[in-house]
Amino acid sequence: MRGAETASPLLVSILRQGDHLLASINAALDDGEMLRFQEALVERIGEERCRGVIIDVAALDVLDSYGARTLGVMAEMARLRGAETVVVGVSPEIAFTMVRLGMSIPNVRTALDLEEGLELLGRLTGHRVTPREP
């Protein structure tokens, strides 16, 4: 961490599963938290040498234009670091609102849920991973 500032815990879980990172957003993030998430994710891609990233937004009630744009930037940063990105869990309400307001997340692949996201990442990267059973 920079200087003497104290940061609150990141509201995103970033876990490794095979050659992929699974990032689950657990609560609405403000702009500063989105930036912290972006930095942490891009750093972990290099540290873990991951080939794919899934960002799960199922816990979100809303996704503003800044959040959508930041997801697109994260996907591009991940691509530049050698990892494909899939966003999963977009609710019908968020999808409806985004289309209605003319918002999009350019160049970001989406899947309905984690299972479909892992399947898509497997096709994109050539590394198949199945979700762990509880």
C-alpha atoms as a PDB file:
ATOM      1  CA  MET A   1       0.000   0.000   0.000  1.00  0.00           C
ATOM      2  CA  ARG A   2       1.220   3.485  -0.719  1.00  0.00           C
ATOM      3  CA  GLY A   3       2.249   5.759   2.123  1.00  0.00           C
ATOM      4  CA  ALA A   4       0.551   5.479   5.479  1.00  0.00           C
ATOM      5  CA  GLU A   5      -2.966   5.131   4.118  1.00  0.00           C
ATOM      6  CA  THR A   6      -5.028   2.263   5.471  1.00  0.00           C
ATOM      7  CA  ALA A   7      -7.296   0.475   3.046  1.00  0.00           C
ATOM      8  CA  SER A   8     -10.472  -1.367   3.861  1.00  0.00           C
ATOM      9  CA  PRO A   9     -10.705  -4.982   2.698  1.00  0.00           C
ATOM     10  CA  LEU A  10     -11.373  -5.453  -1.003  1.00  0.00           C
ATOM     11  CA  LEU A  11     -15.065  -6.199  -1.604  1.00  0.00           C
ATOM     12  CA  VAL A  12     -14.131  -8.653  -4.350  1.00  0.00           C
ATOM     13  CA  SER A  13     -12.968 -12.238  -3.877  1.00  0.00           C
ATOM     14  CA  ILE A  14     -10.263 -13.240  -6.356  1.00  0.00           C
ATOM     15  CA  LEU A  15      -9.636 -16.994  -6.349  1.00  0.00           C
ATOM     16  CA  ARG A  16      -7.585 -19.217  -8.616  1.00  0.00           C
ATOM     17  CA  GLN A  17      -9.123 -22.250 -10.284  1.00  0.00           C
ATOM     18  CA  GLY A  18      -6.744 -24.033 -12.625  1.00  0.00           C
ATOM     19  CA  ASP A  19      -5.346 -21.553 -15.146  1.00  0.00           C
ATOM     20  CA  HIS A  20      -8.142 -19.083 -14.420  1.00  0.00           C
ATOM     21  CA  LEU A  21      -8.968 -16.413 -11.856  1.00  0.00           C
ATOM     22  CA  LEU A  22     -12.514 -16.129 -10.550  1.00  0.00           C
ATOM     23  CA  ALA A  23     -13.331 -12.627  -9.315  1.00  0.00           C
ATOM     24  CA  SER A  24     -16.653 -12.346  -7.535  1.00  0.00           C
ATOM     25  CA  ILE A  25     -17.931  -8.865  -6.739  1.00  0.00           C
ATOM     26  CA  ASN A  26     -19.670  -9.255  -3.380  1.00  0.00           C
ATOM     27  CA  ALA A  27     -21.202  -5.776  -3.020  1.00  0.00           C
ATOM     28  CA  ALA A  28     -21.679  -2.544  -4.929  1.00  0.00           C
ATOM     29  CA  LEU A  29     -18.298  -0.863  -5.471  1.00  0.00           C
ATOM     30  CA  ASP A  30     -17.679   2.864  -5.493  1.00  0.00           C
ATOM     31  CA  ASP A  31     -15.244   4.335  -8.025  1.00  0.00           C
ATOM     32  CA  GLY A  32     -12.232   3.991  -5.698  1.00  0.00           C
ATOM     33  CA  GLU A  33     -13.072   0.365  -4.906  1.00  0.00           C
ATOM     34  CA  MET A  34     -13.474  -0.362  -8.639  1.00  0.00           C
ATOM     35  CA  LEU A  35      -9.967   1.004  -9.229  1.00  0.00           C
ATOM     36  CA  ARG A  36      -8.550  -1.101  -6.373  1.00  0.00           C
ATOM     37  CA  PHE A  37     -10.254  -4.155  -7.855  1.00  0.00           C
ATOM     38  CA  GLN A  38      -8.795  -3.343 -11.280  1.00  0.00           C
ATOM     39  CA  GLU A  39      -5.262  -3.018  -9.870  1.00  0.00           C
ATOM     40  CA  ALA A  40      -5.556  -6.185  -7.775  1.00  0.00           C
ATOM     41  CA  LEU A  41      -6.910  -8.237 -10.672  1.00  0.00           C
ATOM     42  CA  VAL A  42      -4.293  -7.137 -13.189  1.00  0.00           C
ATOM     43  CA  GLU A  43      -1.540  -7.776 -10.644  1.00  0.00           C
ATOM     44  CA  ARG A  44      -2.870 -11.272  -9.838  1.00  0.00           C
ATOM     45  CA  ILE A  45      -3.031 -12.196 -13.537  1.00  0.00           C
ATOM     46  CA  GLY A  46       0.730 -11.737 -13.739  1.00  0.00           C
ATOM     47  CA  GLU A  47       1.509 -13.290 -10.354  1.00  0.00           C
ATOM     48  CA  GLU A  48      -0.613 -16.376 -11.031  1.00  0.00           C
ATOM     49  CA  ARG A  49       0.236 -16.515 -14.775  1.00  0.00           C
ATOM     50  CA  CYS A  50      -3.447 -16.988 -15.554  1.00  0.00           C
ATOM     51  CA  ARG A  51      -4.856 -17.520 -19.026  1.00  0.00           C
ATOM     52  CA  GLY A  52      -8.443 -16.604 -18.216  1.00  0.00           C
ATOM     53  CA  VAL A  53     -10.509 -14.409 -15.908  1.00  0.00           C
ATOM     54  CA  ILE A  54     -14.143 -14.635 -14.916  1.00  0.00           C
ATOM     55  CA  ILE A  55     -15.718 -11.593 -13.311  1.00  0.00           C
ATOM     56  CA  ASP A  56     -18.980 -12.486 -11.556  1.00  0.00           C
ATOM     57  CA  VAL A  57     -21.350  -9.533 -11.156  1.00  0.00           C
ATOM     58  CA  ALA A  58     -24.396 -11.548  -9.980  1.00  0.00           C
ATOM     59  CA  ALA A  59     -24.441  -9.812  -6.562  1.00  0.00           C
ATOM     60  CA  LEU A  60     -24.839  -6.367  -8.142  1.00  0.00           C
ATOM     61  CA  ASP A  61     -28.231  -4.653  -8.241  1.00  0.00           C
ATOM     62  CA  VAL A  62     -26.960  -1.867 -10.503  1.00  0.00           C
ATOM     63  CA  LEU A  63     -24.026  -1.270 -12.820  1.00  0.00           C
ATOM     64  CA  ASP A  64     -23.394   2.372 -13.668  1.00  0.00           C
ATOM     65  CA  SER A  65     -21.600   3.643 -16.760  1.00  0.00           C
ATOM     66  CA  TYR A  66     -18.310   4.004 -14.860  1.00  0.00           C
ATOM     67  CA  GLY A  67     -18.522   0.411 -13.622  1.00  0.00           C
ATOM     68  CA  ALA A  68     -19.331  -0.881 -17.101  1.00  0.00           C
ATOM     69  CA  ARG A  69     -16.482   1.119 -18.625  1.00  0.00           C
ATOM     70  CA  THR A  70     -14.069  -0.129 -15.929  1.00  0.00           C
ATOM     71  CA  LEU A  71     -15.037  -3.746 -16.645  1.00  0.00           C
ATOM     72  CA  GLY A  72     -14.156  -3.105 -20.291  1.00  0.00           C
ATOM     73  CA  VAL A  73     -10.813  -1.573 -19.307  1.00  0.00           C
ATOM     74  CA  MET A  74     -10.066  -4.559 -17.035  1.00  0.00           C
ATOM     75  CA  ALA A  75     -10.819  -6.974 -19.876  1.00  0.00           C
ATOM     76  CA  GLU A  76      -8.453  -5.063 -22.166  1.00  0.00           C
ATOM     77  CA  MET A  77      -5.718  -4.973 -19.496  1.00  0.00           C
ATOM     78  CA  ALA A  78      -6.165  -8.713 -18.939  1.00  0.00           C
ATOM     79  CA  ARG A  79      -5.904  -9.311 -22.693  1.00  0.00           C
ATOM     80  CA  LEU A  80      -2.674  -7.338 -22.806  1.00  0.00           C
ATOM     81  CA  ARG A  81      -1.383  -9.555 -19.975  1.00  0.00           C
ATOM     82  CA  GLY A  82      -2.314 -12.697 -21.945  1.00  0.00           C
ATOM     83  CA  ALA A  83      -5.650 -13.570 -20.324  1.00  0.00           C
ATOM     84  CA  GLU A  84      -9.154 -13.766 -21.786  1.00  0.00           C
ATOM     85  CA  THR A  85     -12.032 -12.290 -19.746  1.00  0.00           C
ATOM     86  CA  VAL A  86     -15.669 -13.358 -19.418  1.00  0.00           C
ATOM     87  CA  VAL A  87     -18.234 -11.443 -17.343  1.00  0.00           C
ATOM     88  CA  VAL A  88     -20.955 -13.628 -15.832  1.00  0.00           C
ATOM     89  CA  GLY A  89     -24.091 -13.075 -13.790  1.00  0.00           C
ATOM     90  CA  VAL A  90     -25.530  -9.977 -15.461  1.00  0.00           C
ATOM     91  CA  SER A  91     -29.077  -9.803 -14.090  1.00  0.00           C
ATOM     92  CA  PRO A  92     -32.065  -9.212 -16.381  1.00  0.00           C
ATOM     93  CA  GLU A  93     -32.582  -5.809 -14.715  1.00  0.00           C
ATOM     94  CA  ILE A  94     -29.012  -4.698 -15.369  1.00  0.00           C
ATOM     95  CA  ALA A  95     -29.148  -5.963 -18.957  1.00  0.00           C
ATOM     96  CA  PHE A  96     -32.447  -4.169 -19.564  1.00  0.00           C
ATOM     97  CA  THR A  97     -31.183  -0.904 -18.055  1.00  0.00           C
ATOM     98  CA  MET A  98     -27.902  -1.008 -19.949  1.00  0.00           C
ATOM     99  CA  VAL A  99     -29.642  -1.523 -23.288  1.00  0.00           C
ATOM    100  CA  ARG A 100     -32.277   1.098 -22.515  1.00  0.00           C
ATOM    101  CA  LEU A 101     -29.601   3.675 -21.640  1.00  0.00           C
ATOM    102  CA  GLY A 102     -27.411   2.757 -24.611  1.00  0.00           C
ATOM    103  CA  MET A 103     -24.607   1.443 -22.384  1.00  0.00           C
ATOM    104  CA  SER A 104     -22.367  -1.398 -23.471  1.00  0.00           C
ATOM    105  CA  ILE A 105     -19.160  -3.116 -22.474  1.00  0.00           C
ATOM    106  CA  PRO A 106     -17.246  -3.238 -25.754  1.00  0.00           C
ATOM    107  CA  ASN A 107     -15.034  -6.235 -26.474  1.00  0.00           C
ATOM    108  CA  VAL A 108     -16.152  -8.085 -23.329  1.00  0.00           C
ATOM    109  CA  ARG A 109     -17.557 -11.571 -23.625  1.00  0.00           C
ATOM    110  CA  THR A 110     -20.427 -12.505 -21.347  1.00  0.00           C
ATOM    111  CA  ALA A 111     -22.005 -15.740 -20.181  1.00  0.00           C
ATOM    112  CA  LEU A 112     -25.126 -16.449 -18.179  1.00  0.00           C
ATOM    113  CA  ASP A 113     -23.423 -17.993 -15.144  1.00  0.00           C
ATOM    114  CA  LEU A 114     -20.161 -19.409 -13.798  1.00  0.00           C
ATOM    115  CA  GLU A 115     -20.615 -22.798 -15.461  1.00  0.00           C
ATOM    116  CA  GLU A 116     -21.153 -21.265 -18.912  1.00  0.00           C
ATOM    117  CA  GLY A 117     -18.348 -18.769 -18.267  1.00  0.00           C
ATOM    118  CA  LEU A 118     -15.872 -21.558 -17.491  1.00  0.00           C
ATOM    119  CA  GLU A 119     -16.987 -23.444 -20.592  1.00  0.00           C
ATOM    120  CA  LEU A 120     -16.468 -20.332 -22.743  1.00  0.00           C
ATOM    121  CA  LEU A 121     -13.045 -19.636 -21.202  1.00  0.00           C
ATOM    122  CA  GLY A 122     -12.080 -23.242 -21.862  1.00  0.00           C
ATOM    123  CA  ARG A 123     -12.886 -22.811 -25.543  1.00  0.00           C
ATOM    124  CA  LEU A 124     -11.046 -19.470 -25.716  1.00  0.00           C
ATOM    125  CA  THR A 125      -7.899 -20.600 -23.907  1.00  0.00           C
ATOM    126  CA  GLY A 126      -7.805 -24.321 -24.628  1.00  0.00           C
ATOM    127  CA  HIS A 127      -7.740 -25.034 -20.867  1.00  0.00           C
ATOM    128  CA  ARG A 128     -10.945 -26.655 -19.693  1.00  0.00           C
ATOM    129  CA  VAL A 129     -11.902 -26.162 -16.055  1.00  0.00           C
ATOM    130  CA  THR A 130     -15.039 -27.435 -14.364  1.00  0.00           C
ATOM    131  CA  PRO A 131     -16.544 -25.847 -11.258  1.00  0.00           C
ATOM    132  CA  ARG A 132     -15.718 -27.658  -8.033  1.00  0.00           C
ATOM    133  CA  GLU A 133     -18.555 -29.533  -6.433  1.00  0.00           C
ATOM    134  CA  PRO A 134     -19.402 -28.466  -2.858  1.00  0.00           C
END
